[in-house]
Amino acid sequence: MNKYFIYTAIFLTVFCIQAKSENVDNIVTKGGKTFISSYYDTEVFKSIEIKGTSIDVEILPAESYKIHTKVMDKRNIDWTLADGKLVITQLPQYHMDCKSKMRATHRKCINDEIKIFVPTSFTCQQITSTLTSGDIEIKGIACKEFYAKTESGDIDLERFSAVRGDIFSINGEISIEDSSFDMLKAFLSSGDIKVERSVLNDVDINTISGGIKIKGEVKGIAKIETKTGNIELRTSLKESEYNKIITAKKGEITVNSFALKSYNESKKPDVANELNILSANGNIKLRFAE
């Protein structure tokens, strides 16, 4: 055989192992089901894209770049890394969605799981996660752009920061703690949105059925709405630092423990921040800094 082809084959084999090396493969049992647990080391990446039918996702800080998958069939998950972008895909031909599994097994659906570990030096350009069913959890990460969509599942962000965030869920809970966004849009059809100890700029938060609770620093233009549910906002800014349009069509408005029938003011041109809060059927409670 030609030496050139031998050297080429060896080089390609070594390159593939370095780019996608499998370290550990264990068998675990959960909920009466057998899963294959695998760890992979990866090269450096700056963007993450995840697409799946029924999968729980976690992105966590660690000492190095690593992927941990826990699946019923190893063919369920495929991942590639090219041009600094990690793409993870749950393959439908090897995976039944949750509804199909429940019909077939008459048991509670258990999602596949994937964890992505990144070092503190991680320079994140974009995180995109699009799921039919599954939870999304991110801790201790900063990213330029963040997009998350799940039809059924919770979204949990802790010690997370982004220049721009877009969050969409049909059925679940959205929880944001100790985080910051320069711009945030969040929509939830059914469920509660809770923001704790966070800094928000230019926010648009909307639920159809569920409550909204925000505690932290809210600046810029804040639009907060729910059709059915209570809204509670506790901000570190003073009342005089906002223009305010507050409407509770079928409910009460409370400002710093004082009950009001309405709370709409003439716009002050020298005030940069604005609160536009609406509850069609629920109470609104506001607490400003003294």
Foldseek 3Di string as FASTA:
>chain_A
DDPVVVVVVVVVVVVVCQAWNKDDWDWDDDPNAIKIKTKTAHDAAAEEAEEEAFEAEEEEEDAGWMKIKIGRDPQQWDWDADPRYIYIYGDPVVDDHQVVVCVVPVDHGDGIYMYTYHHLVHNHAEYHYAYAHYEYEYEQEEYAEYEYEYAYYEYYYYNYEYAEYEEEYAYYEYEAENYEYQEYEYEYAAEEYEYYAYAYEHYAYEYAAYEYEHEEAYFAEYEEEYAHYEYEYEHAAAPVLEQEFEEEQAEWEAEQNRTDPGDHDDDDPVRRGYYYYYYPHYYYYYYYHD
